[in-house]
């Protein structure tokens, strides 16, 4: 998995569908595009120069959204990442500024495109083996009781294997949430074994709809963690 993480750079995540705005475009056009792409930010670009991100809130605050964007006095934020920055840098910036897209610039400050946060969710799921067949088990554990070797032994004693493990802990808490991605959907034998060993199983997921919601929740938690 570490090798996979090293290879995921911003330049590989640039969207091929989201277009940039020009200063001659209207606020209403921007809102229409945001609705189509299901995002709340769009970049404004002059030739190759990135002028900033405009949000749907910015547009709603305009007196006349039918006027060109360039006719308004806007205070635009200018967040961006470089082409060769790691996906975690992209996620961190998106989390800190609550962005729906992240602009990408080259070393000459030329605009190259944007990365959709929805694509980050998909990429993070792929990196974490979340999209591979299998189910998820969530454990609630005291930090002092955490033992990866024992958890792995319990899983493997049921002829299953851990594909990925994700740990989160609220600030100032003595407990931790351990999420296990297993290579099987037959979770009940594993769950029963965990319970025999006095582990608290707080959730499990095996259905596709549940898994999609879980991926999104995990990504939100990860972004909040990076924003601390």
C-alpha atoms as a PDB file:
ATOM      1  CA  UNK A   1       0.000   0.000   0.000  1.00  0.00           C
ATOM      2  CA  UNK A   2       2.862   2.436   0.771  1.00  0.00           C
ATOM      3  CA  UNK A   3       4.133   2.155  -2.794  1.00  0.00           C
ATOM      4  CA  UNK A   4       0.668   3.049  -4.076  1.00  0.00           C
ATOM      5  CA  UNK A   5       0.496   6.099  -1.819  1.00  0.00           C
ATOM      6  CA  UNK A   6       3.820   7.417  -3.132  1.00  0.00           C
ATOM      7  CA  UNK A   7       2.552   7.359  -6.703  1.00  0.00           C
ATOM      8  CA  UNK A   8      -0.653   9.341  -6.221  1.00  0.00           C
ATOM      9  CA  UNK A   9       0.176  12.942  -7.138  1.00  0.00           C
ATOM     10  CA  UNK A  10      -2.014  15.940  -7.881  1.00  0.00           C
ATOM     11  CA  UNK A  11      -1.298  15.824 -11.625  1.00  0.00           C
ATOM     12  CA  UNK A  12      -2.912  12.360 -11.807  1.00  0.00           C
ATOM     13  CA  UNK A  13      -6.138  13.581 -10.208  1.00  0.00           C
ATOM     14  CA  UNK A  14      -6.976  16.589 -12.417  1.00  0.00           C
ATOM     15  CA  UNK A  15     -10.568  16.470 -13.640  1.00  0.00           C
ATOM     16  CA  UNK A  16     -11.210  16.190 -17.359  1.00  0.00           C
ATOM     17  CA  UNK A  17     -14.757  17.521 -17.142  1.00  0.00           C
ATOM     18  CA  UNK A  18     -14.734  20.705 -15.031  1.00  0.00           C
ATOM     19  CA  UNK A  19     -14.090  23.882 -17.021  1.00  0.00           C
ATOM     20  CA  UNK A  20     -12.739  27.155 -15.687  1.00  0.00           C
ATOM     21  CA  UNK A  21     -14.638  30.440 -15.764  1.00  0.00           C
ATOM     22  CA  UNK A  22     -13.572  33.609 -17.535  1.00  0.00           C
ATOM     23  CA  UNK A  23     -14.147  37.087 -16.125  1.00  0.00           C
ATOM     24  CA  UNK A  24     -16.607  37.628 -18.979  1.00  0.00           C
ATOM     25  CA  UNK A  25     -18.799  34.758 -17.748  1.00  0.00           C
ATOM     26  CA  UNK A  26     -21.825  35.628 -15.638  1.00  0.00           C
ATOM     27  CA  UNK A  27     -22.551  34.586 -12.100  1.00  0.00           C
ATOM     28  CA  UNK A  28     -25.613  32.732 -13.340  1.00  0.00           C
ATOM     29  CA  UNK A  29     -23.473  30.710 -15.746  1.00  0.00           C
ATOM     30  CA  UNK A  30     -21.192  29.818 -12.852  1.00  0.00           C
ATOM     31  CA  UNK A  31     -24.167  28.629 -10.787  1.00  0.00           C
ATOM     32  CA  UNK A  32     -25.417  26.531 -13.696  1.00  0.00           C
ATOM     33  CA  UNK A  33     -22.025  24.864 -14.050  1.00  0.00           C
ATOM     34  CA  UNK A  34     -21.798  24.241 -10.319  1.00  0.00           C
ATOM     35  CA  UNK A  35     -25.176  22.546 -10.471  1.00  0.00           C
ATOM     36  CA  UNK A  36     -24.066  20.349 -13.381  1.00  0.00           C
ATOM     37  CA  UNK A  37     -20.791  19.321 -11.733  1.00  0.00           C
ATOM     38  CA  UNK A  38     -22.319  19.184  -8.212  1.00  0.00           C
ATOM     39  CA  UNK A  39     -19.666  21.449  -6.741  1.00  0.00           C
ATOM     40  CA  UNK A  40     -19.756  24.773  -4.866  1.00  0.00           C
ATOM     41  CA  UNK A  41     -16.566  26.363  -6.240  1.00  0.00           C
ATOM     42  CA  UNK A  42     -15.191  27.160  -9.683  1.00  0.00           C
ATOM     43  CA  UNK A  43     -11.827  28.631 -10.752  1.00  0.00           C
ATOM     44  CA  UNK A  44     -11.611  31.929 -12.627  1.00  0.00           C
ATOM     45  CA  UNK A  45      -8.750  31.908 -15.126  1.00  0.00           C
ATOM     46  CA  UNK A  46      -7.354  34.564 -17.451  1.00  0.00           C
ATOM     47  CA  UNK A  47      -5.429  32.728 -20.164  1.00  0.00           C
ATOM     48  CA  UNK A  48      -3.147  30.631 -17.929  1.00  0.00           C
ATOM     49  CA  UNK A  49      -3.336  32.920 -14.886  1.00  0.00           C
ATOM     50  CA  UNK A  50      -5.356  31.610 -11.955  1.00  0.00           C
ATOM     51  CA  UNK A  51      -7.294  34.560 -10.513  1.00  0.00           C
ATOM     52  CA  UNK A  52      -9.008  32.665  -7.693  1.00  0.00           C
ATOM     53  CA  UNK A  53     -11.953  30.495  -6.710  1.00  0.00           C
ATOM     54  CA  UNK A  54     -15.496  31.810  -6.706  1.00  0.00           C
ATOM     55  CA  UNK A  55     -18.072  30.062  -4.528  1.00  0.00           C
ATOM     56  CA  UNK A  56     -21.813  29.770  -4.851  1.00  0.00           C
ATOM     57  CA  UNK A  57     -22.054  31.979  -1.744  1.00  0.00           C
ATOM     58  CA  UNK A  58     -20.011  34.678  -3.496  1.00  0.00           C
ATOM     59  CA  UNK A  59     -22.443  34.606  -6.411  1.00  0.00           C
ATOM     60  CA  UNK A  60     -25.546  34.707  -4.234  1.00  0.00           C
ATOM     61  CA  UNK A  61     -24.112  37.853  -2.625  1.00  0.00           C
ATOM     62  CA  UNK A  62     -23.863  39.620  -6.012  1.00  0.00           C
ATOM     63  CA  UNK A  63     -26.409  42.321  -6.750  1.00  0.00           C
ATOM     64  CA  UNK A  64     -26.828  41.151 -10.332  1.00  0.00           C
ATOM     65  CA  UNK A  65     -25.682  37.598 -11.139  1.00  0.00           C
ATOM     66  CA  UNK A  66     -26.523  38.186 -14.814  1.00  0.00           C
ATOM     67  CA  UNK A  67     -23.595  40.601 -15.089  1.00  0.00           C
ATOM     68  CA  UNK A  68     -20.081  39.356 -16.023  1.00  0.00           C
ATOM     69  CA  UNK A  69     -18.096  38.240 -13.004  1.00  0.00           C
ATOM     70  CA  UNK A  70     -15.362  40.716 -13.909  1.00  0.00           C
ATOM     71  CA  UNK A  71     -17.757  43.614 -13.371  1.00  0.00           C
ATOM     72  CA  UNK A  72     -17.941  42.845  -9.648  1.00  0.00           C
ATOM     73  CA  UNK A  73     -15.440  43.695  -6.942  1.00  0.00           C
ATOM     74  CA  UNK A  74     -14.735  40.232  -5.560  1.00  0.00           C
ATOM     75  CA  UNK A  75     -12.345  39.113  -2.831  1.00  0.00           C
ATOM     76  CA  UNK A  76     -11.399  35.691  -4.153  1.00  0.00           C
ATOM     77  CA  UNK A  77      -9.393  33.071  -2.319  1.00  0.00           C
ATOM     78  CA  UNK A  78      -6.447  31.625  -4.274  1.00  0.00           C
ATOM     79  CA  UNK A  79      -5.722  28.158  -2.875  1.00  0.00           C
ATOM     80  CA  UNK A  80      -3.783  25.713  -5.049  1.00  0.00           C
ATOM     81  CA  UNK A  81      -1.443  22.750  -5.082  1.00  0.00           C
ATOM     82  CA  UNK A  82       1.451  21.974  -7.414  1.00  0.00           C
ATOM     83  CA  UNK A  83       1.403  19.200  -9.982  1.00  0.00           C
ATOM     84  CA  UNK A  84       3.781  16.982  -8.009  1.00  0.00           C
ATOM     85  CA  UNK A  85       2.188  17.358  -4.567  1.00  0.00           C
ATOM     86  CA  UNK A  86       0.950  14.253  -2.778  1.00  0.00           C
ATOM     87  CA  UNK A  87      -2.748  13.447  -2.539  1.00  0.00           C
ATOM     88  CA  UNK A  88      -2.606  14.012   1.233  1.00  0.00           C
ATOM     89  CA  UNK A  89      -1.556  17.623   0.577  1.00  0.00           C
ATOM     90  CA  UNK A  90      -4.606  17.997  -1.665  1.00  0.00           C
ATOM     91  CA  UNK A  91      -6.906  16.497   0.955  1.00  0.00           C
ATOM     92  CA  UNK A  92      -5.405  18.673   3.687  1.00  0.00           C
ATOM     93  CA  UNK A  93      -6.002  21.871   1.696  1.00  0.00           C
ATOM     94  CA  UNK A  94      -9.562  20.831   0.815  1.00  0.00           C
ATOM     95  CA  UNK A  95     -10.265  20.060   4.466  1.00  0.00           C
ATOM     96  CA  UNK A  96      -8.786  23.276   5.824  1.00  0.00           C
ATOM     97  CA  UNK A  97     -10.715  25.551   3.456  1.00  0.00           C
ATOM     98  CA  UNK A  98     -13.834  23.369   3.000  1.00  0.00           C
ATOM     99  CA  UNK A  99     -13.363  23.248  -0.771  1.00  0.00           C
ATOM    100  CA  UNK A 100     -15.267  21.201  -3.323  1.00  0.00           C
ATOM    101  CA  UNK A 101     -12.461  21.585  -5.893  1.00  0.00           C
ATOM    102  CA  UNK A 102      -8.713  22.146  -5.534  1.00  0.00           C
ATOM    103  CA  UNK A 103      -6.892  24.134  -8.281  1.00  0.00           C
ATOM    104  CA  UNK A 104      -3.584  22.801  -9.614  1.00  0.00           C
ATOM    105  CA  UNK A 105      -0.741  25.039 -10.879  1.00  0.00           C
ATOM    106  CA  UNK A 106       2.596  24.175 -12.454  1.00  0.00           C
ATOM    107  CA  UNK A 107       5.965  25.544 -11.331  1.00  0.00           C
ATOM    108  CA  UNK A 108       5.415  28.637 -13.509  1.00  0.00           C
ATOM    109  CA  UNK A 109       2.117  29.382 -11.721  1.00  0.00           C
ATOM    110  CA  UNK A 110       0.165  28.405 -14.818  1.00  0.00           C
ATOM    111  CA  UNK A 111      -3.291  26.948 -14.245  1.00  0.00           C
ATOM    112  CA  UNK A 112      -3.528  23.245 -15.141  1.00  0.00           C
ATOM    113  CA  UNK A 113      -6.989  22.274 -13.871  1.00  0.00           C
ATOM    114  CA  UNK A 114      -8.872  21.320 -10.716  1.00  0.00           C
ATOM    115  CA  UNK A 115      -9.249  18.211  -8.602  1.00  0.00           C
ATOM    116  CA  UNK A 116     -12.771  17.280  -7.508  1.00  0.00           C
ATOM    117  CA  UNK A 117     -13.196  16.342  -3.861  1.00  0.00           C
ATOM    118  CA  UNK A 118     -15.551  13.578  -5.025  1.00  0.00           C
ATOM    119  CA  UNK A 119     -12.631  12.121  -7.003  1.00  0.00           C
ATOM    120  CA  UNK A 120     -10.472  12.324  -3.887  1.00  0.00           C
ATOM    121  CA  UNK A 121     -13.031  10.160  -2.081  1.00  0.00           C
ATOM    122  CA  UNK A 122     -12.880   7.604  -4.882  1.00  0.00           C
ATOM    123  CA  UNK A 123      -9.083   7.645  -4.958  1.00  0.00           C
ATOM    124  CA  UNK A 124      -8.797   7.316  -1.191  1.00  0.00           C
ATOM    125  CA  UNK A 125     -11.141   4.320  -1.307  1.00  0.00           C
ATOM    126  CA  UNK A 126      -8.985   2.687  -3.992  1.00  0.00           C
ATOM    127  CA  UNK A 127      -5.788   3.379  -2.080  1.00  0.00           C
ATOM    128  CA  UNK A 128      -7.238   1.871   1.074  1.00  0.00           C
ATOM    129  CA  UNK A 129      -8.519  -1.354  -0.545  1.00  0.00           C
ATOM    130  CA  UNK A 130     -12.048  -0.207   0.310  1.00  0.00           C
ATOM    131  CA  UNK A 131     -13.334  -0.984  -3.177  1.00  0.00           C
ATOM    132  CA  UNK A 132     -12.059  -4.558  -3.144  1.00  0.00           C
ATOM    133  CA  UNK A 133     -14.652  -7.261  -2.406  1.00  0.00           C
ATOM    134  CA  UNK A 134     -15.191  -7.770   1.286  1.00  0.00           C
ATOM    135  CA  UNK A 135     -16.800  -6.271   4.343  1.00  0.00           C
ATOM    136  CA  UNK A 136     -15.975  -3.778   7.074  1.00  0.00           C
ATOM    137  CA  UNK A 137     -15.946  -4.213  10.836  1.00  0.00           C
ATOM    138  CA  UNK A 138     -15.674  -1.290  13.250  1.00  0.00           C
ATOM    139  CA  UNK A 139     -14.258  -1.853  16.747  1.00  0.00           C
ATOM    140  CA  UNK A 140     -14.296   0.499  19.725  1.00  0.00           C
ATOM    141  CA  UNK A 141     -11.182  -0.112  21.846  1.00  0.00           C
ATOM    142  CA  UNK A 142      -9.387   1.473  24.772  1.00  0.00           C
ATOM    143  CA  UNK A 143      -6.084   2.799  23.471  1.00  0.00           C
ATOM    144  CA  UNK A 144      -4.164   0.802  26.064  1.00  0.00           C
ATOM    145  CA  UNK A 145      -5.863  -2.417  24.900  1.00  0.00           C
ATOM    146  CA  UNK A 146      -5.013  -2.024  21.218  1.00  0.00           C
ATOM    147  CA  UNK A 147      -3.041  -4.962  19.819  1.00  0.00           C
ATOM    148  CA  UNK A 148      -2.716  -5.314  16.059  1.00  0.00           C
ATOM    149  CA  UNK A 149      -1.281  -8.812  16.392  1.00  0.00           C
ATOM    150  CA  UNK A 150      -4.280 -10.015  18.408  1.00  0.00           C
ATOM    151  CA  UNK A 151      -6.778  -8.389  16.039  1.00  0.00           C
ATOM    152  CA  UNK A 152      -5.059 -10.003  13.051  1.00  0.00           C
ATOM    153  CA  UNK A 153      -4.992 -13.369  14.831  1.00  0.00           C
ATOM    154  CA  UNK A 154      -8.730 -13.211  15.501  1.00  0.00           C
ATOM    155  CA  UNK A 155      -9.470 -12.379  11.855  1.00  0.00           C
ATOM    156  CA  UNK A 156      -7.135 -15.048  10.473  1.00  0.00           C
ATOM    157  CA  UNK A 157      -8.516 -17.705  12.831  1.00  0.00           C
ATOM    158  CA  UNK A 158     -11.738 -17.385  10.818  1.00  0.00           C
ATOM    159  CA  UNK A 159      -9.956 -17.933   7.480  1.00  0.00           C
ATOM    160  CA  UNK A 160     -10.169 -14.212   6.666  1.00  0.00           C
ATOM    161  CA  UNK A 161      -7.523 -11.579   5.997  1.00  0.00           C
ATOM    162  CA  UNK A 162      -7.188  -7.868   6.781  1.00  0.00           C
ATOM    163  CA  UNK A 163      -6.879  -5.856   3.568  1.00  0.00           C
ATOM    164  CA  UNK A 164      -6.669  -2.504   5.316  1.00  0.00           C
ATOM    165  CA  UNK A 165      -6.932  -0.995   8.786  1.00  0.00           C
ATOM    166  CA  UNK A 166      -7.968   2.554   9.657  1.00  0.00           C
ATOM    167  CA  UNK A 167      -7.651   4.089  13.143  1.00  0.00           C
ATOM    168  CA  UNK A 168      -9.291   7.282  14.411  1.00  0.00           C
ATOM    169  CA  UNK A 169      -9.516   8.779  17.879  1.00  0.00           C
ATOM    170  CA  UNK A 170     -11.347  11.895  19.096  1.00  0.00           C
ATOM    171  CA  UNK A 171      -9.127  14.541  20.715  1.00  0.00           C
ATOM    172  CA  UNK A 172      -8.457  13.953  24.430  1.00  0.00           C
ATOM    173  CA  UNK A 173     -10.129  10.536  24.287  1.00  0.00           C
ATOM    174  CA  UNK A 174      -8.762   7.312  25.747  1.00  0.00           C
ATOM    175  CA  UNK A 175     -10.675   5.257  23.180  1.00  0.00           C
ATOM    176  CA  UNK A 176     -10.046   4.579  19.525  1.00  0.00           C
ATOM    177  CA  UNK A 177     -12.150   3.399  16.598  1.00  0.00           C
ATOM    178  CA  UNK A 178     -10.523   0.678  14.517  1.00  0.00           C
ATOM    179  CA  UNK A 179     -12.017  -0.013  11.084  1.00  0.00           C
ATOM    180  CA  UNK A 180     -11.050  -3.291   9.440  1.00  0.00           C
ATOM    181  CA  UNK A 181     -11.488  -4.027   5.747  1.00  0.00           C
ATOM    182  CA  UNK A 182     -11.628  -7.795   5.315  1.00  0.00           C
ATOM    183  CA  UNK A 183     -11.474  -9.982   2.220  1.00  0.00           C
ATOM    184  CA  UNK A 184     -14.802 -11.628   3.028  1.00  0.00           C
ATOM    185  CA  UNK A 185     -18.438 -10.637   3.383  1.00  0.00           C
ATOM    186  CA  UNK A 186     -19.016 -13.507   5.804  1.00  0.00           C
ATOM    187  CA  UNK A 187     -18.505 -11.271   8.827  1.00  0.00           C
ATOM    188  CA  UNK A 188     -20.536 -12.963  11.554  1.00  0.00           C
ATOM    189  CA  UNK A 189     -17.942 -15.626  12.519  1.00  0.00           C
ATOM    190  CA  UNK A 190     -15.313 -12.897  12.864  1.00  0.00           C
ATOM    191  CA  UNK A 191     -17.693 -10.664  14.840  1.00  0.00           C
ATOM    192  CA  UNK A 192     -18.602 -13.481  17.219  1.00  0.00           C
ATOM    193  CA  UNK A 193     -14.915 -14.197  17.831  1.00  0.00           C
ATOM    194  CA  UNK A 194     -14.208 -10.540  18.563  1.00  0.00           C
ATOM    195  CA  UNK A 195     -17.069 -10.524  21.054  1.00  0.00           C
ATOM    196  CA  UNK A 196     -15.735 -13.652  22.754  1.00  0.00           C
ATOM    197  CA  UNK A 197     -12.483 -11.757  23.276  1.00  0.00           C
ATOM    198  CA  UNK A 198     -14.428  -8.860  24.828  1.00  0.00           C
ATOM    199  CA  UNK A 199     -14.046  -6.516  21.833  1.00  0.00           C
ATOM    200  CA  UNK A 200     -16.885  -4.057  21.283  1.00  0.00           C
ATOM    201  CA  UNK A 201     -18.105  -4.286  17.688  1.00  0.00           C
ATOM    202  CA  UNK A 202     -19.951  -1.032  16.977  1.00  0.00           C
ATOM    203  CA  UNK A 203     -20.777  -1.517  13.300  1.00  0.00           C
ATOM    204  CA  UNK A 204     -20.291  -3.749  10.294  1.00  0.00           C
ATOM    205  CA  UNK A 205     -20.970  -3.153   6.617  1.00  0.00           C
ATOM    206  CA  UNK A 206     -21.334  -5.539   3.729  1.00  0.00           C
ATOM    207  CA  UNK A 207     -24.024  -4.165   1.413  1.00  0.00           C
ATOM    208  CA  UNK A 208     -22.939  -1.945  -1.470  1.00  0.00           C
ATOM    209  CA  UNK A 209     -25.115   1.051  -0.492  1.00  0.00           C
ATOM    210  CA  UNK A 210     -23.865   0.899   3.085  1.00  0.00           C
ATOM    211  CA  UNK A 211     -20.293   0.713   1.843  1.00  0.00           C
ATOM    212  CA  UNK A 212     -20.662   3.799  -0.371  1.00  0.00           C
ATOM    213  CA  UNK A 213     -22.004   5.795   2.578  1.00  0.00           C
ATOM    214  CA  UNK A 214     -19.215   4.455   4.739  1.00  0.00           C
ATOM    215  CA  UNK A 215     -16.514   5.543   2.254  1.00  0.00           C
ATOM    216  CA  UNK A 216     -17.901   9.075   2.306  1.00  0.00           C
ATOM    217  CA  UNK A 217     -18.071   9.124   6.114  1.00  0.00           C
ATOM    218  CA  UNK A 218     -14.491   7.855   6.392  1.00  0.00           C
ATOM    219  CA  UNK A 219     -13.283  10.538   3.990  1.00  0.00           C
ATOM    220  CA  UNK A 220     -15.058  13.256   5.974  1.00  0.00           C
ATOM    221  CA  UNK A 221     -13.477  11.947   9.179  1.00  0.00           C
ATOM    222  CA  UNK A 222     -10.065  11.876   7.530  1.00  0.00           C
ATOM    223  CA  UNK A 223     -10.455  15.455   6.321  1.00  0.00           C
ATOM    224  CA  UNK A 224     -11.483  16.596   9.797  1.00  0.00           C
ATOM    225  CA  UNK A 225      -8.421  14.837  11.210  1.00  0.00           C
ATOM    226  CA  UNK A 226      -6.115  16.659   8.759  1.00  0.00           C
ATOM    227  CA  UNK A 227      -7.827  19.944   9.644  1.00  0.00           C
ATOM    228  CA  UNK A 228      -6.963  19.633  13.375  1.00  0.00           C
END
